[in-house]
């Protein structure tokens, strides 16, 4: 399980801290999941599968088909490289 979580997290471009923040757990929890040191509860597995775009069964024991390549979702906040939008005053 841990190797699949780690591989999918990296494919998503997330750090352990970033993944932890996205699902509402501590970074050490993500580290322990990836190291196979602690089991993952059902609620966290559901959140993890949504963020990593992979079925829970595949993350836990590789059952079912492997997930499709990760699709990054655009965020509403501008990136550091984006230019500010000039708005006309009314």
PDB file of N, CA and C in Angstrom:
ATOM      1  N   UNK A   1       0.818  -1.184   0.000  1.00  0.00           N
ATOM      2  CA  UNK A   1       0.000   0.000   0.000  1.00  0.00           C
ATOM      3  C   UNK A   1       0.868   1.256   0.000  1.00  0.00           C
ATOM      4  N   UNK A   2       1.860   1.281   0.836  1.00  0.00           N
ATOM      5  CA  UNK A   2       2.687   2.471   0.984  1.00  0.00           C
ATOM      6  C   UNK A   2       3.370   2.913  -0.295  1.00  0.00           C
ATOM      7  N   UNK A   3       3.880   1.938  -1.043  1.00  0.00           N
ATOM      8  CA  UNK A   3       4.568   2.276  -2.298  1.00  0.00           C
ATOM      9  C   UNK A   3       3.603   2.865  -3.318  1.00  0.00           C
ATOM     10  N   UNK A   4       2.375   2.345  -3.355  1.00  0.00           N
ATOM     11  CA  UNK A   4       1.389   2.875  -4.300  1.00  0.00           C
ATOM     12  C   UNK A   4       0.972   4.294  -3.909  1.00  0.00           C
ATOM     13  N   UNK A   5       0.789   4.528  -2.621  1.00  0.00           N
ATOM     14  CA  UNK A   5       0.442   5.882  -2.163  1.00  0.00           C
ATOM     15  C   UNK A   5       1.572   6.843  -2.499  1.00  0.00           C
ATOM     16  N   UNK A   6       2.790   6.466  -2.200  1.00  0.00           N
ATOM     17  CA  UNK A   6       3.935   7.334  -2.473  1.00  0.00           C
ATOM     18  C   UNK A   6       4.082   7.623  -3.969  1.00  0.00           C
ATOM     19  N   UNK A   7       3.971   6.585  -4.784  1.00  0.00           N
ATOM     20  CA  UNK A   7       4.123   6.774  -6.232  1.00  0.00           C
ATOM     21  C   UNK A   7       3.035   7.690  -6.780  1.00  0.00           C
ATOM     22  N   UNK A   8       1.810   7.489  -6.341  1.00  0.00           N
ATOM     23  CA  UNK A   8       0.702   8.309  -6.832  1.00  0.00           C
ATOM     24  C   UNK A   8       0.834   9.744  -6.328  1.00  0.00           C
ATOM     25  N   UNK A   9       1.283   9.916  -5.089  1.00  0.00           N
ATOM     26  CA  UNK A   9       1.494  11.258  -4.527  1.00  0.00           C
ATOM     27  C   UNK A   9       2.534  12.016  -5.353  1.00  0.00           C
ATOM     28  N   UNK A  10       3.621  11.344  -5.679  1.00  0.00           N
ATOM     29  CA  UNK A  10       4.681  11.982  -6.465  1.00  0.00           C
ATOM     30  C   UNK A  10       4.201  12.296  -7.879  1.00  0.00           C
ATOM     31  N   UNK A  11       3.408  11.391  -8.448  1.00  0.00           N
ATOM     32  CA  UNK A  11       2.859  11.638  -9.781  1.00  0.00           C
ATOM     33  C   UNK A  11       1.961  12.871  -9.762  1.00  0.00           C
ATOM     34  N   UNK A  12       1.274  13.083  -8.640  1.00  0.00           N
ATOM     35  CA  UNK A  12       0.406  14.251  -8.477  1.00  0.00           C
ATOM     36  C   UNK A  12       1.192  15.523  -8.192  1.00  0.00           C
ATOM     37  N   UNK A  13       2.496  15.384  -7.948  1.00  0.00           N
ATOM     38  CA  UNK A  13       3.324  16.549  -7.665  1.00  0.00           C
ATOM     39  C   UNK A  13       3.149  17.067  -6.251  1.00  0.00           C
ATOM     40  N   UNK A  14       2.774  16.181  -5.329  1.00  0.00           N
ATOM     41  CA  UNK A  14       2.540  16.587  -3.945  1.00  0.00           C
ATOM     42  C   UNK A  14       3.654  16.109  -3.032  1.00  0.00           C
ATOM     43  N   UNK A  15       3.949  16.899  -2.037  1.00  0.00           N
ATOM     44  CA  UNK A  15       4.832  16.471  -0.959  1.00  0.00           C
ATOM     45  C   UNK A  15       3.976  15.728   0.060  1.00  0.00           C
ATOM     46  N   UNK A  16       4.610  15.072   1.001  1.00  0.00           N
ATOM     47  CA  UNK A  16       3.845  14.441   2.076  1.00  0.00           C
ATOM     48  C   UNK A  16       3.037  15.495   2.830  1.00  0.00           C
ATOM     49  N   UNK A  17       3.635  16.638   3.073  1.00  0.00           N
ATOM     50  CA  UNK A  17       2.938  17.717   3.786  1.00  0.00           C
ATOM     51  C   UNK A  17       1.755  18.235   2.972  1.00  0.00           C
ATOM     52  N   UNK A  18       1.929  18.355   1.664  1.00  0.00           N
ATOM     53  CA  UNK A  18       0.851  18.823   0.804  1.00  0.00           C
ATOM     54  C   UNK A  18      -0.312  17.847   0.762  1.00  0.00           C
ATOM     55  N   UNK A  19      -0.006  16.560   0.682  1.00  0.00           N
ATOM     56  CA  UNK A  19      -1.054  15.541   0.700  1.00  0.00           C
ATOM     57  C   UNK A  19      -1.763  15.537   2.048  1.00  0.00           C
ATOM     58  N   UNK A  20      -0.990  15.648   3.111  1.00  0.00           N
ATOM     59  CA  UNK A  20      -1.571  15.679   4.457  1.00  0.00           C
ATOM     60  C   UNK A  20      -2.551  16.843   4.593  1.00  0.00           C
ATOM     61  N   UNK A  21      -2.160  17.995   4.113  1.00  0.00           N
ATOM     62  CA  UNK A  21      -3.017  19.172   4.173  1.00  0.00           C
ATOM     63  C   UNK A  21      -4.299  18.962   3.360  1.00  0.00           C
ATOM     64  N   UNK A  22      -4.161  18.340   2.206  1.00  0.00           N
ATOM     65  CA  UNK A  22      -5.312  18.129   1.328  1.00  0.00           C
ATOM     66  C   UNK A  22      -6.357  17.191   1.933  1.00  0.00           C
ATOM     67  N   UNK A  23      -5.915  16.244   2.748  1.00  0.00           N
ATOM     68  CA  UNK A  23      -6.878  15.295   3.316  1.00  0.00           C
ATOM     69  C   UNK A  23      -7.125  15.488   4.804  1.00  0.00           C
ATOM     70  N   UNK A  24      -6.434  16.446   5.413  1.00  0.00           N
ATOM     71  CA  UNK A  24      -6.710  16.788   6.807  1.00  0.00           C
ATOM     72  C   UNK A  24      -6.065  15.884   7.842  1.00  0.00           C
ATOM     73  N   UNK A  25      -4.847  15.425   7.557  1.00  0.00           N
ATOM     74  CA  UNK A  25      -4.093  14.635   8.531  1.00  0.00           C
ATOM     75  C   UNK A  25      -2.723  15.263   8.712  1.00  0.00           C
ATOM     76  N   UNK A  26      -1.954  14.740   9.624  1.00  0.00           N
ATOM     77  CA  UNK A  26      -0.604  15.228   9.873  1.00  0.00           C
ATOM     78  C   UNK A  26       0.370  14.603   8.869  1.00  0.00           C
ATOM     79  N   UNK A  27       1.433  15.306   8.553  1.00  0.00           N
ATOM     80  CA  UNK A  27       2.441  14.800   7.605  1.00  0.00           C
ATOM     81  C   UNK A  27       3.035  13.488   8.087  1.00  0.00           C
ATOM     82  N   UNK A  28       3.202  13.325   9.383  1.00  0.00           N
ATOM     83  CA  UNK A  28       3.769  12.067   9.890  1.00  0.00           C
ATOM     84  C   UNK A  28       2.833  10.889   9.622  1.00  0.00           C
ATOM     85  N   UNK A  29       1.535  11.146   9.576  1.00  0.00           N
ATOM     86  CA  UNK A  29       0.575  10.083   9.251  1.00  0.00           C
ATOM     87  C   UNK A  29       0.797   9.603   7.825  1.00  0.00           C
ATOM     88  N   UNK A  30       0.964  10.535   6.892  1.00  0.00           N
ATOM     89  CA  UNK A  30       1.235  10.166   5.496  1.00  0.00           C
ATOM     90  C   UNK A  30       2.539   9.378   5.423  1.00  0.00           C
ATOM     91  N   UNK A  31       3.543   9.825   6.140  1.00  0.00           N
ATOM     92  CA  UNK A  31       4.828   9.125   6.158  1.00  0.00           C
ATOM     93  C   UNK A  31       4.669   7.701   6.683  1.00  0.00           C
ATOM     94  N   UNK A  32       3.877   7.529   7.707  1.00  0.00           N
ATOM     95  CA  UNK A  32       3.659   6.194   8.287  1.00  0.00           C
ATOM     96  C   UNK A  32       2.864   5.295   7.337  1.00  0.00           C
ATOM     97  N   UNK A  33       1.882   5.877   6.614  1.00  0.00           N
ATOM     98  CA  UNK A  33       1.154   5.081   5.610  1.00  0.00           C
ATOM     99  C   UNK A  33       2.117   4.607   4.537  1.00  0.00           C
ATOM    100  N   UNK A  34       2.941   5.532   4.045  1.00  0.00           N
ATOM    101  CA  UNK A  34       3.874   5.187   2.979  1.00  0.00           C
ATOM    102  C   UNK A  34       4.909   4.171   3.438  1.00  0.00           C
ATOM    103  N   UNK A  35       5.267   4.216   4.708  1.00  0.00           N
ATOM    104  CA  UNK A  35       6.222   3.261   5.252  1.00  0.00           C
ATOM    105  C   UNK A  35       5.587   1.949   5.677  1.00  0.00           C
ATOM    106  N   UNK A  36       4.267   1.864   5.580  1.00  0.00           N
ATOM    107  CA  UNK A  36       3.564   0.643   5.977  1.00  0.00           C
ATOM    108  C   UNK A  36       3.520   0.435   7.471  1.00  0.00           C
ATOM    109  N   UNK A  37       3.678   1.513   8.233  1.00  0.00           N
ATOM    110  CA  UNK A  37       3.741   1.389   9.689  1.00  0.00           C
ATOM    111  C   UNK A  37       2.385   1.420  10.376  1.00  0.00           C
ATOM    112  N   UNK A  38       1.410   2.064   9.749  1.00  0.00           N
ATOM    113  CA  UNK A  38       0.070   2.137  10.339  1.00  0.00           C
ATOM    114  C   UNK A  38      -0.980   1.895   9.252  1.00  0.00           C
ATOM    115  N   UNK A  39      -2.104   1.298   9.642  1.00  0.00           N
ATOM    116  CA  UNK A  39      -3.179   1.116   8.653  1.00  0.00           C
ATOM    117  C   UNK A  39      -3.912   2.431   8.427  1.00  0.00           C
ATOM    118  N   UNK A  40      -4.640   2.500   7.344  1.00  0.00           N
ATOM    119  CA  UNK A  40      -5.398   3.697   7.025  1.00  0.00           C
ATOM    120  C   UNK A  40      -6.876   3.420   7.305  1.00  0.00           C
ATOM    121  N   UNK A  41      -7.546   4.376   7.946  1.00  0.00           N
ATOM    122  CA  UNK A  41      -8.965   4.152   8.230  1.00  0.00           C
ATOM    123  C   UNK A  41      -9.810   4.466   6.996  1.00  0.00           C
ATOM    124  N   UNK A  42     -11.048   4.032   7.030  1.00  0.00           N
ATOM    125  CA  UNK A  42     -11.934   4.136   5.869  1.00  0.00           C
ATOM    126  C   UNK A  42     -12.151   5.572   5.419  1.00  0.00           C
ATOM    127  N   UNK A  43     -12.377   6.486   6.361  1.00  0.00           N
ATOM    128  CA  UNK A  43     -12.616   7.884   6.003  1.00  0.00           C
ATOM    129  C   UNK A  43     -11.401   8.498   5.318  1.00  0.00           C
ATOM    130  N   UNK A  44     -10.221   8.253   5.869  1.00  0.00           N
ATOM    131  CA  UNK A  44      -9.001   8.791   5.266  1.00  0.00           C
ATOM    132  C   UNK A  44      -8.720   8.153   3.907  1.00  0.00           C
ATOM    133  N   UNK A  45      -9.033   6.869   3.772  1.00  0.00           N
ATOM    134  CA  UNK A  45      -8.835   6.191   2.490  1.00  0.00           C
ATOM    135  C   UNK A  45      -9.731   6.804   1.414  1.00  0.00           C
ATOM    136  N   UNK A  46     -10.956   7.151   1.787  1.00  0.00           N
ATOM    137  CA  UNK A  46     -11.865   7.777   0.833  1.00  0.00           C
ATOM    138  C   UNK A  46     -11.321   9.131   0.376  1.00  0.00           C
ATOM    139  N   UNK A  47     -10.842   9.942   1.324  1.00  0.00           N
ATOM    140  CA  UNK A  47     -10.269  11.254   0.984  1.00  0.00           C
ATOM    141  C   UNK A  47      -9.020  11.081   0.132  1.00  0.00           C
ATOM    142  N   UNK A  48      -8.181  10.143   0.521  1.00  0.00           N
ATOM    143  CA  UNK A  48      -6.932   9.876  -0.194  1.00  0.00           C
ATOM    144  C   UNK A  48      -7.209   9.454  -1.630  1.00  0.00           C
ATOM    145  N   UNK A  49      -8.193   8.593  -1.815  1.00  0.00           N
ATOM    146  CA  UNK A  49      -8.495   8.118  -3.166  1.00  0.00           C
ATOM    147  C   UNK A  49      -9.001   9.253  -4.058  1.00  0.00           C
ATOM    148  N   UNK A  50      -9.727  10.204  -3.485  1.00  0.00           N
ATOM    149  CA  UNK A  50     -10.189  11.347  -4.270  1.00  0.00           C
ATOM    150  C   UNK A  50      -9.024  12.251  -4.669  1.00  0.00           C
ATOM    151  N   UNK A  51      -8.168  12.560  -3.709  1.00  0.00           N
ATOM    152  CA  UNK A  51      -7.045  13.456  -3.986  1.00  0.00           C
ATOM    153  C   UNK A  51      -6.063  12.819  -4.969  1.00  0.00           C
ATOM    154  N   UNK A  52      -5.817  11.532  -4.808  1.00  0.00           N
ATOM    155  CA  UNK A  52      -4.844  10.847  -5.663  1.00  0.00           C
ATOM    156  C   UNK A  52      -5.470  10.263  -6.923  1.00  0.00           C
ATOM    157  N   UNK A  53      -6.776  10.443  -7.085  1.00  0.00           N
ATOM    158  CA  UNK A  53      -7.485   9.963  -8.278  1.00  0.00           C
ATOM    159  C   UNK A  53      -7.225   8.482  -8.528  1.00  0.00           C
ATOM    160  N   UNK A  54      -7.386   7.694  -7.473  1.00  0.00           N
ATOM    161  CA  UNK A  54      -7.186   6.248  -7.564  1.00  0.00           C
ATOM    162  C   UNK A  54      -8.198   5.565  -6.648  1.00  0.00           C
ATOM    163  N   UNK A  55      -8.669   4.413  -7.053  1.00  0.00           N
ATOM    164  CA  UNK A  55      -9.624   3.678  -6.217  1.00  0.00           C
ATOM    165  C   UNK A  55      -8.955   3.193  -4.940  1.00  0.00           C
ATOM    166  N   UNK A  56      -9.736   3.202  -3.866  1.00  0.00           N
ATOM    167  CA  UNK A  56      -9.210   2.773  -2.573  1.00  0.00           C
ATOM    168  C   UNK A  56      -8.671   1.366  -2.586  1.00  0.00           C
ATOM    169  N   UNK A  57      -9.381   0.451  -3.270  1.00  0.00           N
ATOM    170  CA  UNK A  57      -8.921  -0.941  -3.340  1.00  0.00           C
ATOM    171  C   UNK A  57      -7.563  -1.062  -3.994  1.00  0.00           C
ATOM    172  N   UNK A  58      -7.331  -0.259  -5.027  1.00  0.00           N
ATOM    173  CA  UNK A  58      -6.023  -0.300  -5.689  1.00  0.00           C
ATOM    174  C   UNK A  58      -4.937   0.244  -4.769  1.00  0.00           C
ATOM    175  N   UNK A  59      -5.247   1.322  -4.045  1.00  0.00           N
ATOM    176  CA  UNK A  59      -4.251   1.887  -3.132  1.00  0.00           C
ATOM    177  C   UNK A  59      -3.887   0.896  -2.036  1.00  0.00           C
ATOM    178  N   UNK A  60      -4.874   0.178  -1.514  1.00  0.00           N
ATOM    179  CA  UNK A  60      -4.633  -0.732  -0.396  1.00  0.00           C
ATOM    180  C   UNK A  60      -3.928  -2.010  -0.826  1.00  0.00           C
ATOM    181  N   UNK A  61      -4.465  -2.689  -1.846  1.00  0.00           N
ATOM    182  CA  UNK A  61      -3.889  -3.994  -2.192  1.00  0.00           C
ATOM    183  C   UNK A  61      -3.760  -4.261  -3.691  1.00  0.00           C
ATOM    184  N   UNK A  62      -3.782  -3.216  -4.482  1.00  0.00           N
ATOM    185  CA  UNK A  62      -3.632  -3.301  -5.941  1.00  0.00           C
ATOM    186  C   UNK A  62      -4.760  -4.087  -6.603  1.00  0.00           C
ATOM    187  N   UNK A  63      -5.925  -4.201  -5.921  1.00  0.00           N
ATOM    188  CA  UNK A  63      -7.044  -4.885  -6.544  1.00  0.00           C
ATOM    189  C   UNK A  63      -7.699  -3.957  -7.564  1.00  0.00           C
ATOM    190  N   UNK A  64      -8.191  -4.540  -8.621  1.00  0.00           N
ATOM    191  CA  UNK A  64      -8.808  -3.741  -9.668  1.00  0.00           C
ATOM    192  C   UNK A  64      -7.765  -3.167 -10.605  1.00  0.00           C
ATOM    193  N   UNK A  65      -8.256  -2.398 -11.551  1.00  0.00           N
ATOM    194  CA  UNK A  65      -7.379  -1.809 -12.566  1.00  0.00           C
ATOM    195  C   UNK A  65      -6.538  -0.681 -11.981  1.00  0.00           C
ATOM    196  N   UNK A  66      -5.358  -0.532 -12.507  1.00  0.00           N
ATOM    197  CA  UNK A  66      -4.494   0.587 -12.103  1.00  0.00           C
ATOM    198  C   UNK A  66      -5.157   1.888 -12.534  1.00  0.00           C
ATOM    199  N   UNK A  67      -4.934   2.958 -11.793  1.00  0.00           N
ATOM    200  CA  UNK A  67      -5.563   4.230 -12.149  1.00  0.00           C
ATOM    201  C   UNK A  67      -4.996   4.815 -13.441  1.00  0.00           C
ATOM    202  N   UNK A  68      -5.805   5.651 -14.067  1.00  0.00           N
ATOM    203  CA  UNK A  68      -5.372   6.373 -15.259  1.00  0.00           C
ATOM    204  C   UNK A  68      -4.291   7.370 -14.858  1.00  0.00           C
ATOM    205  N   UNK A  69      -3.523   7.866 -15.818  1.00  0.00           N
ATOM    206  CA  UNK A  69      -2.527   8.892 -15.485  1.00  0.00           C
ATOM    207  C   UNK A  69      -3.178  10.052 -14.736  1.00  0.00           C
ATOM    208  N   UNK A  70      -2.442  10.622 -13.819  1.00  0.00           N
ATOM    209  CA  UNK A  70      -2.967  11.688 -12.971  1.00  0.00           C
ATOM    210  C   UNK A  70      -3.301  12.921 -13.795  1.00  0.00           C
ATOM    211  N   UNK A  71      -4.446  13.513 -13.513  1.00  0.00           N
ATOM    212  CA  UNK A  71      -4.889  14.731 -14.186  1.00  0.00           C
ATOM    213  C   UNK A  71      -4.860  15.858 -13.165  1.00  0.00           C
ATOM    214  N   UNK A  72      -4.032  16.843 -13.419  1.00  0.00           N
ATOM    215  CA  UNK A  72      -3.952  17.983 -12.503  1.00  0.00           C
ATOM    216  C   UNK A  72      -5.135  18.905 -12.736  1.00  0.00           C
ATOM    217  N   UNK A  73      -5.715  19.342 -11.637  1.00  0.00           N
ATOM    218  CA  UNK A  73      -6.873  20.219 -11.692  1.00  0.00           C
ATOM    219  C   UNK A  73      -6.410  21.644 -11.478  1.00  0.00           C
ATOM    220  N   UNK A  74      -6.849  22.549 -12.351  1.00  0.00           N
ATOM    221  CA  UNK A  74      -6.484  23.964 -12.215  1.00  0.00           C
ATOM    222  C   UNK A  74      -7.142  24.545 -10.969  1.00  0.00           C
ATOM    223  N   UNK A  75      -6.426  25.394 -10.287  1.00  0.00           N
ATOM    224  CA  UNK A  75      -6.945  26.042  -9.090  1.00  0.00           C
ATOM    225  C   UNK A  75      -7.403  27.455  -9.428  1.00  0.00           C
ATOM    226  N   UNK A  76      -8.277  27.977  -8.597  1.00  0.00           N
ATOM    227  CA  UNK A  76      -8.789  29.329  -8.805  1.00  0.00           C
ATOM    228  C   UNK A  76      -7.757  30.404  -8.509  1.00  0.00           C
ATOM    229  N   UNK A  77      -6.802  30.086  -7.678  1.00  0.00           N
ATOM    230  CA  UNK A  77      -5.816  31.104  -7.318  1.00  0.00           C
ATOM    231  C   UNK A  77      -4.755  31.226  -8.406  1.00  0.00           C
ATOM    232  N   UNK A  78      -4.303  32.429  -8.671  1.00  0.00           N
ATOM    233  CA  UNK A  78      -3.300  32.615  -9.721  1.00  0.00           C
ATOM    234  C   UNK A  78      -1.942  32.072  -9.292  1.00  0.00           C
ATOM    235  N   UNK A  79      -1.190  31.622 -10.253  1.00  0.00           N
ATOM    236  CA  UNK A  79       0.154  31.149  -9.950  1.00  0.00           C
ATOM    237  C   UNK A  79       1.092  32.346  -9.845  1.00  0.00           C
ATOM    238  N   UNK A  80       2.286  32.095  -9.368  1.00  0.00           N
ATOM    239  CA  UNK A  80       3.269  33.167  -9.211  1.00  0.00           C
ATOM    240  C   UNK A  80       3.659  33.752 -10.565  1.00  0.00           C
ATOM    241  N   UNK A  81       3.506  32.969 -11.635  1.00  0.00           N
ATOM    242  CA  UNK A  81       3.908  33.431 -12.959  1.00  0.00           C
ATOM    243  C   UNK A  81       2.802  34.178 -13.706  1.00  0.00           C
ATOM    244  N   UNK A  82       1.573  34.048 -13.236  1.00  0.00           N
ATOM    245  CA  UNK A  82       0.487  34.672 -13.987  1.00  0.00           C
ATOM    246  C   UNK A  82       0.491  36.187 -13.823  1.00  0.00           C
ATOM    247  N   UNK A  83       0.060  36.844 -14.858  1.00  0.00           N
ATOM    248  CA  UNK A  83       0.013  38.307 -14.830  1.00  0.00           C
ATOM    249  C   UNK A  83      -1.327  38.760 -14.263  1.00  0.00           C
ATOM    250  N   UNK A  84      -1.332  39.847 -13.516  1.00  0.00           N
ATOM    251  CA  UNK A  84      -2.599  40.320 -12.985  1.00  0.00           C
ATOM    252  C   UNK A  84      -3.518  40.785 -14.109  1.00  0.00           C
ATOM    253  N   UNK A  85      -4.792  40.580 -13.886  1.00  0.00           N
ATOM    254  CA  UNK A  85      -5.779  40.998 -14.880  1.00  0.00           C
ATOM    255  C   UNK A  85      -6.119  42.450 -14.663  1.00  0.00           C
ATOM    256  N   UNK A  86      -6.026  43.235 -15.740  1.00  0.00           N
ATOM    257  CA  UNK A  86      -6.366  44.647 -15.639  1.00  0.00           C
ATOM    258  C   UNK A  86      -7.871  44.779 -15.847  1.00  0.00           C
ATOM    259  N   UNK A  87      -8.505  45.441 -14.902  1.00  0.00           N
ATOM    260  CA  UNK A  87      -9.947  45.624 -14.990  1.00  0.00           C
ATOM    261  C   UNK A  87     -10.272  47.073 -15.264  1.00  0.00           C
ATOM    262  N   UNK A  88     -11.252  47.267 -16.101  1.00  0.00           N
ATOM    263  CA  UNK A  88     -11.690  48.633 -16.422  1.00  0.00           C
ATOM    264  C   UNK A  88     -12.566  49.145 -15.297  1.00  0.00           C
ATOM    265  N   UNK A  89     -12.371  50.384 -14.968  1.00  0.00           N
ATOM    266  CA  UNK A  89     -13.211  50.982 -13.942  1.00  0.00           C
ATOM    267  C   UNK A  89     -14.520  51.427 -14.560  1.00  0.00           C
ATOM    268  N   UNK A  90     -15.575  51.249 -13.827  1.00  0.00           N
ATOM    269  CA  UNK A  90     -16.907  51.603 -14.338  1.00  0.00           C
ATOM    270  C   UNK A  90     -17.218  53.070 -14.118  1.00  0.00           C
TER     271      UNK A  90
END
